[in-house]
Amino acid sequence: MFPRARRTTAFTLIELLTVIAIIGILAAILIPVVGRVRQSARETQNLSNLRQIGMLCNLYAADNKGFFPVAYKASTGVTWRGLLNAYLLPGADPAAQATAARKLMNSPTAAIPNDTGLGAHYSLNAYLCADPASSPSFVSQGKGLLPVSLNNVARPSRVILAADGTQSEANGDSNVSMWKPDRWGTWSDLASPYVYSANADADTAAAAGNIRFRNSGKAHAVHVDASARAYRPADLVLGNFVPNR
């Protein structure tokens, strides 16, 4: 007797095309979901960074008679970012502190990476933390004394201390402070909408000084009391920036 031929199994062309189609459908469903999950994770980390910055600024204020670090001091060239280093890793050597500070100051949602020393993607509120000698224009038109003491902030849970800042297209750095809109003399109603430049939602030198809405159309900010939240452009009012009235 001849041995019975062994039956071979294989996919037919129709079965193969069906499997490919199913894989394609699953990929079309899963890839956007994975992308949204990753973006959500980056935004969560970004908000966490700002919350930590708020806590460090409060630690600094506790050691400096209630005053937050000034955004920039022209006489020394020191920025608020450098002043917080010692509070990030107490007791560590300066190199380790600087490395940790660079990581904290770089936003995972920023479009342009920044590895330029003390460069950062976050900006302080200039109407709260400007140095009078470095920024004399802020000490005019009834603004009062700057920087503003923590004890003199009227609404610590609403006044923004630091937030996402617009970046420079050259190196990704954000200005040390936000100062726009720079029209304090016309600010009469703290509930009136915050008016920002038309090009604010772009990382260019022309947009410098604005808050940046780079988290799914929202800007992340930390307040004077170290609470943090996301703001849509329509959510912001002048009272979020004016600290002492």
Foldseek 3Di string as FASTA:
>chain_A
DDDDDDDDDDDDPVRVVVVVVVVVVVCVVVVVVVVVVVLVVLVVLQLVLQLVVLVLQQVVCVVPVQAGAAQADVVVRDGSLLVSLCVVDPPDDSVVSQVVSLVSQERSLQPAGADDRSFGQKAFQNLAHHDCVVCVLSVDLPSDDPNDGLVQFPDQQQAFGMKGAAAAPVHRGARNHACPPVCVNPDDDQQAAGDADPCCQHRHPVNHRHHHLRRVQWMWTAGNVSDIDTHHSRRHGNNNRRTHD
